[in-house]
C-alpha atoms as a PDB file:
ATOM      1  CA  MET A   1      -4.863  20.081 -20.248  1.00  0.00           C
ATOM      2  CA  LYS A   2      -6.064  19.568 -16.679  1.00  0.00           C
ATOM      3  CA  PRO A   3      -3.506  19.818 -13.888  1.00  0.00           C
ATOM      4  CA  HIS A   4      -2.771  16.521 -12.122  1.00  0.00           C
ATOM      5  CA  ARG A   5      -4.783  16.229  -8.912  1.00  0.00           C
ATOM      6  CA  THR A   6      -3.517  14.026  -6.142  1.00  0.00           C
ATOM      7  CA  PRO A   7      -6.352  12.660  -4.001  1.00  0.00           C
ATOM      8  CA  VAL A   8      -6.233  13.267  -0.246  1.00  0.00           C
ATOM      9  CA  PRO A   9      -4.505  10.220   1.268  1.00  0.00           C
ATOM     10  CA  LEU A  10      -6.150   7.924   3.811  1.00  0.00           C
ATOM     11  CA  ALA A  11      -2.698   7.536   5.394  1.00  0.00           C
ATOM     12  CA  SER A  12       0.853   8.603   4.627  1.00  0.00           C
ATOM     13  CA  VAL A  13       4.238   7.451   5.942  1.00  0.00           C
ATOM     14  CA  LYS A  14       7.947   7.896   5.156  1.00  0.00           C
ATOM     15  CA  ILE A  15       9.563   4.700   3.840  1.00  0.00           C
ATOM     16  CA  LEU A  16      12.972   3.327   2.836  1.00  0.00           C
ATOM     17  CA  ASN A  17      14.957   5.281   5.426  1.00  0.00           C
ATOM     18  CA  GLY A  18      12.884   8.416   4.814  1.00  0.00           C
ATOM     19  CA  ALA A  19      13.881   8.686   1.139  1.00  0.00           C
ATOM     20  CA  HIS A  20      10.303   8.192  -0.139  1.00  0.00           C
ATOM     21  CA  GLU A  21       6.748   8.850   1.032  1.00  0.00           C
ATOM     22  CA  LEU A  22       4.012   6.258   0.664  1.00  0.00           C
ATOM     23  CA  SER A  23       0.437   7.568   0.489  1.00  0.00           C
ATOM     24  CA  VAL A  24      -2.534   5.205   0.615  1.00  0.00           C
ATOM     25  CA  HIS A  25      -5.422   6.532  -1.461  1.00  0.00           C
ATOM     26  CA  ASP A  26      -7.945   3.714  -1.465  1.00  0.00           C
ATOM     27  CA  LEU A  27      -8.919   0.552   0.366  1.00  0.00           C
ATOM     28  CA  LYS A  28     -11.215  -1.645  -1.719  1.00  0.00           C
ATOM     29  CA  ARG A  29     -13.216  -4.513  -0.262  1.00  0.00           C
ATOM     30  CA  ARG A  30     -13.750  -7.643  -2.339  1.00  0.00           C
ATOM     31  CA  ASP A  31     -15.741 -10.803  -1.568  1.00  0.00           C
ATOM     32  CA  ASP A  32     -12.562 -12.787  -0.854  1.00  0.00           C
ATOM     33  CA  SER A  33      -9.908 -10.108  -0.211  1.00  0.00           C
ATOM     34  CA  PHE A  34      -9.128  -6.412   0.029  1.00  0.00           C
ATOM     35  CA  THR A  35      -6.739  -4.197  -1.923  1.00  0.00           C
ATOM     36  CA  VAL A  36      -4.690  -1.201  -0.808  1.00  0.00           C
ATOM     37  CA  HIS A  37      -3.963   1.338  -3.577  1.00  0.00           C
ATOM     38  CA  TYR A  38      -0.954   3.591  -2.998  1.00  0.00           C
ATOM     39  CA  MET A  39       1.484   6.093  -4.484  1.00  0.00           C
ATOM     40  CA  ILE A  40       5.175   6.511  -3.653  1.00  0.00           C
ATOM     41  CA  ALA A  41       7.060   9.757  -4.274  1.00  0.00           C
ATOM     42  CA  PRO A  42       9.677  10.218  -5.462  1.00  0.00           C
ATOM     43  CA  PRO A  43       9.269   7.116  -7.622  1.00  0.00           C
ATOM     44  CA  LEU A  44      11.011   3.849  -6.814  1.00  0.00           C
ATOM     45  CA  PRO A  45      14.015   3.056  -9.022  1.00  0.00           C
ATOM     46  CA  ASP A  46      13.295   1.417 -12.369  1.00  0.00           C
ATOM     47  CA  PRO A  47      13.689  -2.372 -11.852  1.00  0.00           C
ATOM     48  CA  ALA A  48      15.431  -2.586 -15.253  1.00  0.00           C
ATOM     49  CA  GLU A  49      18.184  -0.268 -13.985  1.00  0.00           C
ATOM     50  CA  SER A  50      18.387  -1.239 -10.301  1.00  0.00           C
ATOM     51  CA  THR A  51      17.566  -4.044  -7.880  1.00  0.00           C
ATOM     52  CA  PRO A  52      13.766  -4.204  -7.683  1.00  0.00           C
ATOM     53  CA  VAL A  53      12.018  -3.265  -4.453  1.00  0.00           C
ATOM     54  CA  LEU A  54       9.739  -6.067  -3.261  1.00  0.00           C
ATOM     55  CA  LEU A  55       6.709  -5.492  -1.048  1.00  0.00           C
ATOM     56  CA  ALA A  56       4.877  -7.749   1.425  1.00  0.00           C
ATOM     57  CA  LEU A  57       1.764  -7.074   3.517  1.00  0.00           C
ATOM     58  CA  ALA A  58       0.518  -8.466   6.813  1.00  0.00           C
ATOM     59  CA  ALA A  59      -2.373  -6.985   8.790  1.00  0.00           C
ATOM     60  CA  VAL A  60      -4.662  -7.386  11.778  1.00  0.00           C
ATOM     61  CA  ASP A  61      -8.019  -5.709  12.354  1.00  0.00           C
ATOM     62  CA  ASP A  62      -9.460  -4.268  15.552  1.00  0.00           C
ATOM     63  CA  VAL A  63     -11.476  -7.451  16.244  1.00  0.00           C
ATOM     64  CA  GLY A  64      -8.421  -9.728  16.039  1.00  0.00           C
ATOM     65  CA  ASN A  65      -8.585 -11.154  12.505  1.00  0.00           C
ATOM     66  CA  GLU A  66      -5.320 -11.595  10.614  1.00  0.00           C
ATOM     67  CA  TYR A  67      -4.766 -10.955   6.907  1.00  0.00           C
ATOM     68  CA  TYR A  68      -1.946 -12.074   4.645  1.00  0.00           C
ATOM     69  CA  ASP A  69      -0.345 -10.909   1.410  1.00  0.00           C
ATOM     70  CA  TRP A  70      -2.042 -12.055  -1.773  1.00  0.00           C
ATOM     71  CA  GLY A  71       0.164 -10.228  -4.274  1.00  0.00           C
ATOM     72  CA  GLY A  72       0.347  -6.874  -5.941  1.00  0.00           C
ATOM     73  CA  ALA A  73       2.000  -4.796  -8.624  1.00  0.00           C
ATOM     74  CA  TYR A  74       3.516  -1.372  -9.094  1.00  0.00           C
ATOM     75  CA  GLY A  75       4.930   0.787 -11.851  1.00  0.00           C
ATOM     76  CA  ALA A  76       6.014   4.298 -12.672  1.00  0.00           C
ATOM     77  CA  ALA A  77       3.338   6.913 -13.290  1.00  0.00           C
ATOM     78  CA  GLY A  78       3.189   8.206 -16.850  1.00  0.00           C
ATOM     79  CA  ASP A  79       4.684  11.549 -15.859  1.00  0.00           C
ATOM     80  CA  GLY A  80       7.543   9.890 -13.938  1.00  0.00           C
ATOM     81  CA  THR A  81       6.871  11.766 -10.675  1.00  0.00           C
ATOM     82  CA  ARG A  82       5.749   8.781  -8.591  1.00  0.00           C
ATOM     83  CA  THR A  83       5.197   5.051  -8.415  1.00  0.00           C
ATOM     84  CA  ASN A  84       1.589   3.809  -8.431  1.00  0.00           C
ATOM     85  CA  GLY A  85       0.767   0.424  -6.968  1.00  0.00           C
ATOM     86  CA  SER A  86      -1.665  -1.909  -5.279  1.00  0.00           C
ATOM     87  CA  ILE A  87      -1.311  -4.857  -2.943  1.00  0.00           C
ATOM     88  CA  SER A  88      -4.001  -7.305  -1.872  1.00  0.00           C
ATOM     89  CA  ALA A  89      -4.558  -9.462   1.195  1.00  0.00           C
ATOM     90  CA  GLN A  90      -6.826 -12.331   2.176  1.00  0.00           C
ATOM     91  CA  PRO A  91      -9.316 -13.173   3.573  1.00  0.00           C
ATOM     92  CA  ALA A  92     -11.973 -10.499   3.017  1.00  0.00           C
ATOM     93  CA  LEU A  93     -12.177  -7.783   5.658  1.00  0.00           C
ATOM     94  CA  ALA A  94     -14.440  -8.777   8.529  1.00  0.00           C
ATOM     95  CA  ALA A  95     -17.784  -6.976   8.471  1.00  0.00           C
ATOM     96  CA  LYS A  96     -17.327  -5.870  12.112  1.00  0.00           C
ATOM     97  CA  ALA A  97     -13.808  -4.491  11.586  1.00  0.00           C
ATOM     98  CA  ARG A  98     -13.613  -0.701  11.846  1.00  0.00           C
ATOM     99  CA  GLU A  99      -9.828  -0.353  11.581  1.00  0.00           C
ATOM    100  CA  ILE A 100      -7.016  -2.403  10.157  1.00  0.00           C
ATOM    101  CA  ARG A 101      -3.366  -2.160  11.193  1.00  0.00           C
ATOM    102  CA  ILE A 102      -1.166  -2.877   8.198  1.00  0.00           C
ATOM    103  CA  ARG A 103       2.525  -3.724   8.155  1.00  0.00           C
ATOM    104  CA  LEU A 104       4.100  -3.168   4.749  1.00  0.00           C
ATOM    105  CA  THR A 105       7.620  -4.530   4.435  1.00  0.00           C
ATOM    106  CA  PHE A 106       9.789  -3.277   1.595  1.00  0.00           C
ATOM    107  CA  LEU A 107      12.704  -5.540   0.672  1.00  0.00           C
ATOM    108  CA  ARG A 108      15.547  -3.677  -1.017  1.00  0.00           C
ATOM    109  CA  ASP A 109      19.053  -5.042  -1.608  1.00  0.00           C
ATOM    110  CA  GLY A 110      18.449  -7.850   0.905  1.00  0.00           C
ATOM    111  CA  GLU A 111      17.369  -5.466   3.677  1.00  0.00           C
ATOM    112  CA  GLU A 112      13.841  -5.238   5.156  1.00  0.00           C
ATOM    113  CA  HIS A 113      12.249  -1.801   5.610  1.00  0.00           C
ATOM    114  CA  PRO A 114       8.914  -2.191   7.468  1.00  0.00           C
ATOM    115  CA  CYS A 115       6.328   0.547   7.894  1.00  0.00           C
ATOM    116  CA  HIS A 116       3.019   0.569   9.762  1.00  0.00           C
ATOM    117  CA  LEU A 117      -0.303   2.169   8.839  1.00  0.00           C
ATOM    118  CA  THR A 118      -3.746   2.181  10.425  1.00  0.00           C
ATOM    119  CA  LEU A 119      -6.692   2.541   8.056  1.00  0.00           C
ATOM    120  CA  ARG A 120     -10.372   2.945   8.854  1.00  0.00           C
ATOM    121  CA  THR A 121     -12.443   0.270   7.134  1.00  0.00           C
ATOM    122  CA  SER A 122     -15.899   1.622   7.932  1.00  0.00           C
ATOM    123  CA  ALA A 123     -15.860   4.015   4.976  1.00  0.00           C
ATOM    124  CA  THR A 124     -14.739   1.480   2.367  1.00  0.00           C
ATOM    125  CA  SER A 125     -16.975   0.120  -0.347  1.00  0.00           C
ATOM    126  CA  HIS A 126     -17.089  -2.856  -2.705  1.00  0.00           C
END
């Protein structure tokens, strides 16, 4: 059996009062949107056993375009060591944008926990 390899993150930040770390591992461009793929460790609590953690995204690129949440999903990794997820935003990333500043807001027990990331867009692909 191969050991689990964690890809090198594009960005990483402490979230939820420092109790978890979010690592972004991919930014995928689409014709009408883009998607951020991430991992959170340790994993978020199981929604069946605890209040679910909700996530919202808002972003602006380095040429002034704004992007808004278009939905996402997350779930526990098979080995239980992390949460894997993705969240999308619209419209599509501007061709001239080289960086995007993302605000992810986690809503837990009625309290907002925002975090900020800057991702390079020039190396992303379709």
